[in-house]
């Protein structure tokens, strides 16, 4: 959502990426410098930009735009866009102040960052500092990530290497999952799960070969005990490959339920190693889905066959991104006659918000990076995605309503309505009852794009200019959509989705 004087955030993301490419390298052979672009947006819509090294060699882009170019300006309420995570407190030698501290001191209200800085002196600490000091933090849309990473390939390689070195030099505090696995051993792991990972990731090694065990150690999924001369699994390894993960983590399960709509139902719990669960649940879905609508209430043609691959992707996201500190809370999948519901325990992890999920702008920032990496290696998901493109294409590709996202205080909930009536039932917006099937498809289009022009709306739905205008006016009168504040006759005028 934009305010009346500022453009869509995507405009400034593009601007930051473009100015990033002007960055001036410091030319140090032992320490590549990142290419970083920054865009400062004032509440009145005025914009200033900077890139690393623009005014002086080595100066950070954020420092340049905040202190060098706008030192005497009141920056309260400004937006800041930076292609790299701002550096964290302690990352710069005294008396230099980190960029995240400068942002907080300048009273910037909202920050968008492109990609994480893997340098061990930053490595998410900049984001954590901003969010803990009242700055709203968002990530750039996923379409910009690869472009930023490609320009910074040399720096990213160096930063990741320094991160590994830093971890090897000091004992890292064990996270929740690892603390829980202290009594496990290699007998706790499943050879079937190992083989599944090796097959799907294209590796030709044997499950217990030295080269495979060393790779798992490098991934920090195994630890080597010098006293016993043996490998010990971490908590992440128990979740991914454990014979009985619930012995250590009672919450490590997926509970599925189907309501056939005729008084009959079925339920099952899948508690095998995480790498095996997606295929197991998919097989179950394929069996129950065709019969999961009430033929007495719904005509078959009113309930399109729901794509199994969409359920699978949503389920994998729920498994990978859930909060495993919530003991006893399981991932849940429920198939009903008119909707499909997936619940993932825990709140979204910053910078992902429920609002960004509702607006289909959420990017993947997992609290469980080891799980994300393994599922990515198996081709089950993209590390930089959270399924938004798949979900947004439901209307266009399958003629199905877009999903609805909610957070109930305990779970992130994804609801896939299977009918227009279901959309009206679960949306929480009574005004949607006033929309017919065609108008509902139009409303979904605005919701998936966040803002559209009348021409874009008409072209997408193959409507005449007059019909498109009438439908958009109706939705605006129902307070389902708004506008971007431009004059109605302006070529910049757009209709905006209202949360």
Protein backbone atom coordinates (compact mmCIF):
# COMPACT_ATOMS: atom_id res chain seq x y z
CA UNK A 1 0.00 0.00 0.00
CA UNK A 2 1.28 3.51 -0.82
CA UNK A 3 0.39 6.88 0.61
CA UNK A 4 -0.87 9.76 -1.51
CA UNK A 5 2.53 11.35 -2.18
CA UNK A 6 4.81 8.33 -2.50
CA UNK A 7 4.94 5.82 -5.33
CA UNK A 8 4.63 2.05 -5.04
CA UNK A 9 7.60 0.52 -3.11
CA UNK A 10 8.51 -1.50 -6.21
CA UNK A 11 9.41 1.76 -7.98
CA UNK A 12 12.04 2.51 -5.34
CA UNK A 13 13.29 -1.08 -5.30
CA UNK A 14 14.02 -0.80 -9.01
CA UNK A 15 15.67 2.59 -8.45
CA UNK A 16 17.91 1.18 -5.70
CA UNK A 17 19.00 -1.75 -7.87
CA UNK A 18 19.83 0.58 -10.75
CA UNK A 19 21.88 2.98 -8.61
CA UNK A 20 23.62 -0.02 -6.96
CA UNK A 21 25.31 -0.76 -10.28
CA UNK A 22 27.21 2.54 -10.06
CA UNK A 23 29.03 1.46 -6.88
CA UNK A 24 32.79 2.02 -6.85
CA UNK A 25 34.92 -0.92 -5.72
CA UNK A 26 37.68 -0.26 -3.20
CA UNK A 27 39.97 -2.63 -5.08
CA UNK A 28 41.10 -4.68 -2.08
CA UNK A 29 42.24 -8.14 -3.15
CA UNK A 30 41.63 -9.72 0.26
CA UNK A 31 38.21 -8.15 0.88
CA UNK A 32 35.79 -7.55 -2.02
CA UNK A 33 33.48 -4.61 -1.40
CA UNK A 34 29.75 -5.03 -2.01
CA UNK A 35 27.80 -3.03 -4.54
CA UNK A 36 25.01 -1.25 -2.67
CA UNK A 37 22.38 1.25 -3.73
CA UNK A 38 20.18 3.27 -1.38
CA UNK A 39 17.05 5.33 -1.98
CA UNK A 40 15.66 7.77 0.60
CA UNK A 41 12.00 8.67 0.15
CA UNK A 42 10.55 11.64 2.05
CA UNK A 43 6.91 11.76 3.18
CA UNK A 44 6.23 14.43 0.54
CA UNK A 45 7.47 12.11 -2.22
CA UNK A 46 10.89 13.72 -2.70
CA UNK A 47 13.62 11.16 -3.46
CA UNK A 48 17.38 11.09 -2.98
CA UNK A 49 19.78 8.28 -3.89
CA UNK A 50 23.32 7.14 -3.14
CA UNK A 51 25.66 4.30 -3.97
CA UNK A 52 28.66 2.86 -2.17
CA UNK A 53 31.76 4.99 -2.67
CA UNK A 54 29.82 7.76 -4.43
CA UNK A 55 31.39 10.67 -2.53
CA UNK A 56 34.33 8.96 -0.84
CA UNK A 57 35.97 5.57 -1.22
CA UNK A 58 34.42 2.97 1.07
CA UNK A 59 31.53 5.10 2.33
CA UNK A 60 28.37 3.06 2.71
CA UNK A 61 25.40 4.01 0.56
CA UNK A 62 23.12 4.48 3.58
CA UNK A 63 25.66 6.72 5.30
CA UNK A 64 26.07 8.77 2.14
CA UNK A 65 22.37 9.40 1.60
CA UNK A 66 21.51 9.97 5.28
CA UNK A 67 24.51 11.88 6.65
CA UNK A 68 26.45 13.25 3.70
CA UNK A 69 23.54 14.38 1.56
CA UNK A 70 20.77 15.02 4.09
CA UNK A 71 22.50 15.77 7.41
CA UNK A 72 20.46 18.91 8.02
CA UNK A 73 17.11 17.46 6.93
CA UNK A 74 14.38 16.11 9.21
CA UNK A 75 14.19 12.46 8.16
CA UNK A 76 11.36 11.47 10.50
CA UNK A 77 8.90 9.20 8.72
CA UNK A 78 11.11 8.69 5.66
CA UNK A 79 11.38 5.38 3.85
CA UNK A 80 14.76 3.87 3.08
CA UNK A 81 15.50 1.24 0.42
CA UNK A 82 18.90 -0.51 0.47
CA UNK A 83 19.92 -3.39 -1.76
CA UNK A 84 21.96 -5.02 1.05
CA UNK A 85 21.04 -5.55 4.70
CA UNK A 86 22.29 -2.46 6.62
CA UNK A 87 25.37 -3.18 8.73
CA UNK A 88 24.82 -3.92 12.41
CA UNK A 89 26.12 -2.34 15.62
CA UNK A 90 29.73 -3.38 16.13
CA UNK A 91 30.32 -4.09 12.45
CA UNK A 92 32.39 -0.91 11.99
CA UNK A 93 35.48 0.13 13.92
CA UNK A 94 34.90 2.89 16.48
CA UNK A 95 34.17 5.76 16.25
CA UNK A 96 32.25 4.80 13.11
CA UNK A 97 28.53 4.19 13.61
CA UNK A 98 26.74 1.33 11.87
CA UNK A 99 24.13 2.01 9.20
CA UNK A 100 21.37 0.37 11.23
CA UNK A 101 22.12 2.72 14.14
CA UNK A 102 22.11 5.71 11.80
CA UNK A 103 18.72 4.63 10.44
CA UNK A 104 17.24 4.39 13.94
CA UNK A 105 18.78 7.72 15.01
CA UNK A 106 17.36 9.39 11.89
CA UNK A 107 13.86 8.17 12.84
CA UNK A 108 13.33 6.41 9.53
CA UNK A 109 9.92 4.77 9.82
CA UNK A 110 10.25 1.93 7.34
CA UNK A 111 13.12 0.09 5.63
CA UNK A 112 13.20 -2.25 2.65
CA UNK A 113 16.37 -4.33 2.12
CA UNK A 114 17.32 -6.44 -0.88
CA UNK A 115 19.32 -9.44 0.35
CA UNK A 116 20.94 -10.58 3.59
CA UNK A 117 24.57 -9.61 4.29
CA UNK A 118 26.35 -12.91 5.07
CA UNK A 119 29.38 -11.12 6.54
CA UNK A 120 29.61 -12.55 10.11
CA UNK A 121 29.66 -9.01 11.54
CA UNK A 122 26.16 -8.49 10.11
CA UNK A 123 24.37 -11.72 9.14
CA UNK A 124 20.80 -10.71 10.13
CA UNK A 125 21.95 -8.58 13.10
CA UNK A 126 21.21 -5.38 11.16
CA UNK A 127 17.63 -6.43 10.53
CA UNK A 128 17.23 -7.57 14.14
CA UNK A 129 18.50 -4.22 15.45
CA UNK A 130 16.14 -2.21 13.25
CA UNK A 131 13.05 -4.24 14.11
CA UNK A 132 13.84 -4.23 17.85
CA UNK A 133 14.06 -0.43 17.73
CA UNK A 134 10.67 0.16 16.17
CA UNK A 135 11.61 0.35 12.49
CA UNK A 136 9.28 -1.61 10.22
CA UNK A 137 11.41 -3.91 8.06
CA UNK A 138 10.47 -5.38 4.68
CA UNK A 139 12.40 -7.27 2.03
CA UNK A 140 12.55 -6.43 -1.68
CA UNK A 141 10.26 -8.47 -3.91
CA UNK A 142 11.88 -11.75 -4.99
CA UNK A 143 12.17 -10.60 -8.62
CA UNK A 144 15.06 -8.31 -7.57
CA UNK A 145 17.06 -10.83 -5.51
CA UNK A 146 18.94 -12.61 -8.27
CA UNK A 147 19.94 -9.33 -9.92
CA UNK A 148 21.41 -8.05 -6.64
CA UNK A 149 23.15 -11.35 -5.91
CA UNK A 150 24.64 -11.59 -9.41
CA UNK A 151 26.24 -8.15 -9.11
CA UNK A 152 27.58 -9.09 -5.65
CA UNK A 153 28.69 -12.64 -6.47
CA UNK A 154 32.34 -12.07 -5.45
CA UNK A 155 31.39 -10.32 -2.19
CA UNK A 156 28.82 -12.98 -1.29
CA UNK A 157 31.36 -15.77 -1.80
CA UNK A 158 33.85 -13.96 0.45
CA UNK A 159 31.21 -13.17 3.12
CA UNK A 160 29.98 -16.76 3.30
CA UNK A 161 33.57 -18.00 3.62
CA UNK A 162 34.23 -15.52 6.46
CA UNK A 163 31.06 -16.72 8.13
CA UNK A 164 32.28 -20.33 8.07
CA UNK A 165 35.68 -19.25 9.43
CA UNK A 166 34.05 -17.28 12.25
CA UNK A 167 31.98 -20.28 13.29
CA UNK A 168 35.02 -22.56 13.32
CA UNK A 169 37.00 -20.19 15.56
CA UNK A 170 34.49 -19.97 18.38
CA UNK A 171 31.93 -22.21 19.95
CA UNK A 172 28.54 -21.09 18.72
CA UNK A 173 25.63 -21.16 21.17
CA UNK A 174 23.44 -24.13 20.29
CA UNK A 175 20.01 -23.29 18.99
CA UNK A 176 16.81 -24.83 20.30
CA UNK A 177 16.83 -27.76 17.88
CA UNK A 178 20.42 -28.73 18.61
CA UNK A 179 20.01 -28.55 22.38
CA UNK A 180 17.17 -31.04 22.11
CA UNK A 181 19.32 -33.61 20.26
CA UNK A 182 22.17 -34.06 22.74
CA UNK A 183 21.38 -37.72 23.50
CA UNK A 184 20.83 -38.82 19.88
CA UNK A 185 23.30 -40.82 17.81
CA UNK A 186 23.63 -42.00 14.22
CA UNK A 187 21.37 -44.98 14.91
CA UNK A 188 18.57 -42.44 15.36
CA UNK A 189 18.71 -41.58 11.65
CA UNK A 190 16.87 -43.29 8.81
CA UNK A 191 18.79 -44.75 5.87
CA UNK A 192 15.58 -44.46 3.81
CA UNK A 193 15.45 -40.72 4.52
CA UNK A 194 19.14 -40.34 3.63
CA UNK A 195 18.56 -42.21 0.36
CA UNK A 196 15.56 -40.02 -0.46
CA UNK A 197 17.69 -36.90 -0.02
CA UNK A 198 20.56 -38.30 -2.07
CA UNK A 199 18.25 -39.38 -4.90
CA UNK A 200 16.27 -36.13 -5.11
CA UNK A 201 19.38 -33.93 -4.84
CA UNK A 202 21.17 -35.89 -7.57
CA UNK A 203 24.03 -37.12 -5.38
CA UNK A 204 25.53 -40.53 -6.20
CA UNK A 205 26.99 -41.33 -2.78
CA UNK A 206 26.04 -44.10 -0.41
CA UNK A 207 24.03 -43.03 2.69
CA UNK A 208 26.82 -43.89 5.16
CA UNK A 209 29.82 -43.05 3.01
CA UNK A 210 32.57 -40.87 4.47
CA UNK A 211 32.06 -38.21 1.80
CA UNK A 212 28.34 -37.93 2.58
CA UNK A 213 28.87 -37.79 6.35
CA UNK A 214 31.52 -35.09 5.88
CA UNK A 215 29.09 -33.07 3.74
CA UNK A 216 26.44 -33.30 6.45
CA UNK A 217 29.05 -32.10 8.94
CA UNK A 218 29.92 -29.18 6.66
CA UNK A 219 26.19 -28.34 6.57
CA UNK A 220 26.22 -28.36 10.39
CA UNK A 221 23.72 -31.23 10.44
CA UNK A 222 26.26 -33.52 12.12
CA UNK A 223 28.89 -32.82 14.76
CA UNK A 224 32.03 -34.90 15.24
CA UNK A 225 32.77 -36.05 18.79
CA UNK A 226 36.52 -36.37 19.26
CA UNK A 227 36.08 -38.45 22.44
CA UNK A 228 33.99 -41.17 20.84
CA UNK A 229 35.37 -40.67 17.32
CA UNK A 230 31.81 -40.65 15.97
CA UNK A 231 29.29 -38.34 14.38
CA UNK A 232 26.35 -37.00 16.36
CA UNK A 233 23.19 -35.60 14.73
CA UNK A 234 21.97 -32.09 15.43
CA UNK A 235 18.31 -31.33 16.03
CA UNK A 236 17.90 -30.28 12.41
CA UNK A 237 19.21 -33.70 11.33
CA UNK A 238 16.75 -35.45 13.65
CA UNK A 239 13.88 -33.49 12.10
CA UNK A 240 15.00 -34.10 8.53
CA UNK A 241 16.29 -37.68 8.72
CA UNK A 242 15.33 -39.13 12.13
CA UNK A 243 13.67 -42.56 12.28
CA UNK A 244 11.28 -41.23 14.92
CA UNK A 245 11.59 -37.44 15.03
CA UNK A 246 8.74 -37.15 17.54
CA UNK A 247 10.80 -38.95 20.17
CA UNK A 248 12.75 -35.71 20.41
CA UNK A 249 10.23 -33.26 18.94
CA UNK A 250 6.59 -34.19 19.64
CA UNK A 251 5.52 -31.34 17.35
CA UNK A 252 7.31 -32.82 14.31
CA UNK A 253 4.23 -34.14 12.53
CA UNK A 254 1.63 -33.22 9.94
CA UNK A 255 -1.99 -33.90 10.86
CA UNK A 256 -4.35 -34.27 7.90
CA UNK A 257 -8.13 -34.41 7.85
CA UNK A 258 -10.74 -34.67 5.11
CA UNK A 259 -14.43 -33.81 5.32
CA UNK A 260 -16.25 -35.53 2.46
CA UNK A 261 -19.32 -33.33 2.91
CA UNK A 262 -21.70 -36.26 3.34
CA UNK A 263 -21.23 -36.86 7.04
CA UNK A 264 -18.09 -38.90 6.48
CA UNK A 265 -14.57 -37.83 7.32
CA UNK A 266 -11.08 -39.23 7.67
CA UNK A 267 -7.89 -38.27 9.51
CA UNK A 268 -4.28 -39.36 9.63
CA UNK A 269 -0.98 -38.22 11.15
CA UNK A 270 2.33 -38.30 9.27
CA UNK A 271 5.35 -38.32 11.59
CA UNK A 272 8.18 -39.75 9.52
CA UNK A 273 11.40 -37.82 8.74
CA UNK A 274 10.51 -34.45 7.23
CA UNK A 275 12.11 -35.29 3.88
CA UNK A 276 9.63 -38.16 3.43
CA UNK A 277 6.44 -36.36 4.49
CA UNK A 278 5.69 -34.27 1.33
CA UNK A 279 5.40 -37.38 -0.88
CA UNK A 280 3.40 -39.25 1.75
CA UNK A 281 0.91 -36.43 2.14
CA UNK A 282 0.70 -35.95 -1.63
CA UNK A 283 -0.28 -39.60 -2.07
CA UNK A 284 -2.99 -39.15 0.58
CA UNK A 285 -4.28 -35.96 -1.07
CA UNK A 286 -4.50 -37.65 -4.48
CA UNK A 287 -6.70 -40.36 -2.92
CA UNK A 288 -9.10 -38.13 -0.97
CA UNK A 289 -9.31 -34.92 -3.03
CA UNK A 290 -11.60 -36.10 -5.87
CA UNK A 291 -14.27 -37.19 -3.37
CA UNK A 292 -13.94 -34.21 -1.07
CA UNK A 293 -16.95 -32.15 -2.06
CA UNK A 294 -20.60 -32.63 -1.21
CA UNK A 295 -22.35 -33.56 -4.44
CA UNK A 296 -25.70 -32.87 -2.81
CA UNK A 297 -24.69 -29.26 -2.19
CA UNK A 298 -22.24 -28.44 -4.98
CA UNK A 299 -22.49 -29.25 -8.64
CA UNK A 300 -19.33 -30.92 -9.83
CA UNK A 301 -18.61 -28.19 -12.36
CA UNK A 302 -18.73 -25.57 -9.60
CA UNK A 303 -15.78 -27.18 -7.81
CA UNK A 304 -12.78 -27.39 -10.15
CA UNK A 305 -10.28 -30.13 -9.43
CA UNK A 306 -7.84 -28.44 -7.07
CA UNK A 307 -4.19 -28.71 -8.22
CA UNK A 308 -2.31 -31.07 -5.93
CA UNK A 309 0.98 -29.29 -6.63
CA UNK A 310 -0.37 -26.11 -5.01
CA UNK A 311 -1.31 -27.98 -1.84
CA UNK A 312 2.11 -29.62 -1.84
CA UNK A 313 3.94 -26.29 -2.15
CA UNK A 314 1.89 -24.70 0.62
CA UNK A 315 2.46 -27.71 2.86
CA UNK A 316 6.22 -27.68 2.30
CA UNK A 317 6.30 -23.99 3.19
CA UNK A 318 4.37 -24.76 6.37
CA UNK A 319 6.80 -27.56 7.33
CA UNK A 320 9.95 -25.57 6.60
CA UNK A 321 9.00 -22.15 7.98
CA UNK A 322 7.02 -23.15 11.09
CA UNK A 323 8.18 -22.39 14.62
CA UNK A 324 9.54 -25.64 16.08
CA UNK A 325 9.80 -24.16 19.58
CA UNK A 326 6.04 -24.64 19.91
CA UNK A 327 5.94 -28.05 21.57
CA UNK A 328 3.00 -30.20 20.56
CA UNK A 329 1.80 -27.86 17.80
CA UNK A 330 1.54 -29.76 14.53
CA UNK A 331 1.28 -28.56 10.93
CA UNK A 332 -2.32 -29.18 9.89
CA UNK A 333 -3.94 -29.81 6.51
CA UNK A 334 -7.73 -29.94 6.29
CA UNK A 335 -9.65 -30.59 3.08
CA UNK A 336 -13.28 -29.48 3.18
CA UNK A 337 -15.95 -29.49 0.45
CA UNK A 338 -15.58 -25.77 -0.18
CA UNK A 339 -12.06 -24.93 1.04
CA UNK A 340 -8.61 -26.31 1.84
CA UNK A 341 -6.85 -25.08 4.99
CA UNK A 342 -3.19 -25.30 5.97
CA UNK A 343 -1.98 -24.19 9.40
CA UNK A 344 1.66 -23.56 10.24
CA UNK A 345 2.51 -23.04 13.94
CA UNK A 346 4.07 -19.71 14.88
CA UNK A 347 3.97 -16.14 13.65
CA UNK A 348 5.67 -15.03 10.44
CA UNK A 349 9.37 -14.35 11.01
CA UNK A 350 10.57 -10.78 10.40
CA UNK A 351 10.76 -9.34 7.76
CA UNK A 352 7.85 -11.48 6.50
CA UNK A 353 4.52 -10.14 7.78
CA UNK A 354 0.98 -11.40 7.50
CA UNK A 355 0.23 -8.19 5.57
CA UNK A 356 2.90 -9.00 2.97
CA UNK A 357 1.44 -12.48 2.63
CA UNK A 358 -2.05 -11.07 2.14
CA UNK A 359 -0.67 -8.73 -0.52
CA UNK A 360 1.31 -11.56 -2.22
CA UNK A 361 4.59 -9.70 -1.68
CA UNK A 362 6.10 -11.97 1.01
CA UNK A 363 9.59 -13.27 0.44
CA UNK A 364 11.18 -16.30 2.04
CA UNK A 365 13.03 -15.53 5.25
CA UNK A 366 13.02 -18.78 7.13
CA UNK A 367 13.71 -19.19 10.83
CA UNK A 368 14.88 -22.72 9.87
CA UNK A 369 17.63 -22.15 7.33
CA UNK A 370 19.01 -25.71 7.45
CA UNK A 371 15.59 -27.16 6.64
CA UNK A 372 15.13 -24.64 3.84
CA UNK A 373 18.52 -25.53 2.36
CA UNK A 374 17.87 -29.28 2.34
CA UNK A 375 14.41 -28.93 0.78
CA UNK A 376 15.92 -26.60 -1.80
CA UNK A 377 18.64 -29.13 -2.60
CA UNK A 378 15.93 -31.75 -3.15
CA UNK A 379 14.14 -29.47 -5.62
CA UNK A 380 11.11 -29.16 -3.33
CA UNK A 381 11.29 -25.38 -2.99
CA UNK A 382 13.32 -22.30 -3.86
CA UNK A 383 15.34 -20.75 -1.02
CA UNK A 384 14.30 -17.26 -2.12
CA UNK A 385 10.61 -17.99 -2.65
CA UNK A 386 7.60 -18.63 -0.45
CA UNK A 387 5.15 -19.76 -3.13
CA UNK A 388 3.66 -16.33 -3.85
CA UNK A 389 3.90 -16.67 -7.64
CA UNK A 390 2.20 -20.08 -7.48
CA UNK A 391 -0.60 -18.79 -5.25
CA UNK A 392 -1.08 -15.64 -7.33
CA UNK A 393 -1.53 -17.71 -10.50
CA UNK A 394 -4.45 -19.77 -9.16
CA UNK A 395 -7.11 -17.57 -10.78
CA UNK A 396 -5.38 -17.26 -14.15
CA UNK A 397 -4.06 -20.81 -14.44
CA UNK A 398 -6.78 -22.86 -12.76
CA UNK A 399 -9.80 -20.55 -12.61
CA UNK A 400 -9.75 -20.84 -8.81
CA UNK A 401 -10.04 -18.04 -6.23
CA UNK A 402 -6.86 -16.68 -4.71
CA UNK A 403 -5.88 -17.94 -1.25
CA UNK A 404 -6.64 -15.98 1.90
CA UNK A 405 -3.95 -15.56 4.58
CA UNK A 406 -4.59 -15.06 8.28
CA UNK A 407 -2.82 -15.29 11.63
CA UNK A 408 -4.88 -16.46 14.60
CA UNK A 409 -2.29 -15.72 17.29
CA UNK A 410 -0.88 -19.25 17.14
CA UNK A 411 -0.76 -20.26 13.47
CA UNK A 412 -0.23 -18.77 10.04
CA UNK A 413 -3.30 -19.97 8.13
CA UNK A 414 -3.59 -20.34 4.36
CA UNK A 415 -7.14 -20.89 3.11
CA UNK A 416 -7.72 -21.99 -0.48
CA UNK A 417 -11.42 -21.37 -1.32
CA UNK A 418 -12.73 -23.84 -3.89
CA UNK A 419 -15.85 -21.85 -4.81
CA UNK A 420 -16.99 -18.24 -5.03
CA UNK A 421 -19.31 -18.87 -2.07
CA UNK A 422 -16.33 -20.02 -0.03
CA UNK A 423 -14.49 -16.76 -0.75
CA UNK A 424 -17.41 -14.81 0.64
CA UNK A 425 -17.59 -17.12 3.63
CA UNK A 426 -13.95 -16.92 4.72
CA UNK A 427 -12.84 -13.48 3.56
CA UNK A 428 -14.27 -11.61 6.54
CA UNK A 429 -15.50 -8.85 4.21
CA UNK A 430 -19.28 -8.74 3.99
CA UNK A 431 -19.14 -6.45 0.97
CA UNK A 432 -17.78 -9.33 -1.13
CA UNK A 433 -21.27 -10.83 -0.98
CA UNK A 434 -22.29 -8.08 -3.43
CA UNK A 435 -19.89 -9.31 -6.14
CA UNK A 436 -20.89 -11.76 -8.83
CA UNK A 437 -18.54 -14.43 -10.21
CA UNK A 438 -16.99 -12.15 -12.85
CA UNK A 439 -16.56 -9.27 -10.41
CA UNK A 440 -14.99 -11.62 -7.88
CA UNK A 441 -12.42 -12.65 -10.49
CA UNK A 442 -11.74 -8.95 -11.06
CA UNK A 443 -11.36 -8.35 -7.34
CA UNK A 444 -8.86 -11.24 -7.18
CA UNK A 445 -6.92 -9.62 -10.03
CA UNK A 446 -6.63 -6.31 -8.14
CA UNK A 447 -5.68 -8.18 -4.95
CA UNK A 448 -2.92 -10.12 -6.69
CA UNK A 449 -1.44 -7.04 -8.39
CA UNK A 450 -1.99 -4.59 -5.49
CA UNK A 451 -2.78 -1.76 -7.91
CA UNK A 452 -4.04 -1.70 -11.49
CA UNK A 453 -5.21 0.77 -14.10
CA UNK A 454 -8.63 0.51 -15.72
CA UNK A 455 -6.97 -0.59 -18.97
CA UNK A 456 -4.97 -3.34 -17.25
CA UNK A 457 -8.16 -4.56 -15.57
CA UNK A 458 -10.17 -4.52 -18.81
CA UNK A 459 -7.43 -6.23 -20.84
CA UNK A 460 -6.88 -8.96 -18.27
CA UNK A 461 -10.56 -9.84 -17.95
CA UNK A 462 -11.35 -9.19 -21.63
CA UNK A 463 -13.99 -6.56 -20.79
CA UNK A 464 -15.11 -3.42 -22.53
CA UNK A 465 -13.89 -0.12 -21.11
CA UNK A 466 -17.38 0.70 -19.83
CA UNK A 467 -17.94 -2.65 -18.07
CA UNK A 468 -14.48 -2.48 -16.48
CA UNK A 469 -15.20 1.04 -15.23
CA UNK A 470 -18.54 -0.01 -13.73
CA UNK A 471 -17.04 -3.01 -11.94
CA UNK A 472 -14.15 -1.01 -10.49
CA UNK A 473 -16.49 1.78 -9.41
CA UNK A 474 -18.73 -0.78 -7.69
CA UNK A 475 -15.78 -2.28 -5.77
CA UNK A 476 -14.59 1.18 -4.77
CA UNK A 477 -18.08 2.15 -3.55
CA UNK A 478 -18.14 -1.07 -1.51
CA UNK A 479 -14.80 0.03 0.03
CA UNK A 480 -13.10 -3.14 -1.23
CA UNK A 481 -10.56 -1.11 -3.22
CA UNK A 482 -9.29 2.47 -3.15
CA UNK A 483 -7.07 4.53 -5.41
CA UNK A 484 -3.57 5.98 -5.45
CA UNK A 485 -4.72 9.57 -4.94
CA UNK A 486 -4.15 10.76 -8.49
CA UNK A 487 -6.86 12.62 -10.41
CA UNK A 488 -9.41 10.23 -11.92
CA UNK A 489 -8.67 11.42 -15.46
CA UNK A 490 -4.89 11.24 -14.99
CA UNK A 491 -3.00 8.51 -16.83
CA UNK A 492 -1.33 7.80 -13.47
CA UNK A 493 -4.62 6.98 -11.77
CA UNK A 494 -4.79 3.44 -10.43
CA UNK A 495 -7.13 1.34 -8.31
CA UNK A 496 -5.50 -0.04 -5.17
CA UNK A 497 -6.37 -3.14 -3.14
CA UNK A 498 -7.45 -2.33 0.43
CA UNK A 499 -6.55 -4.77 3.21
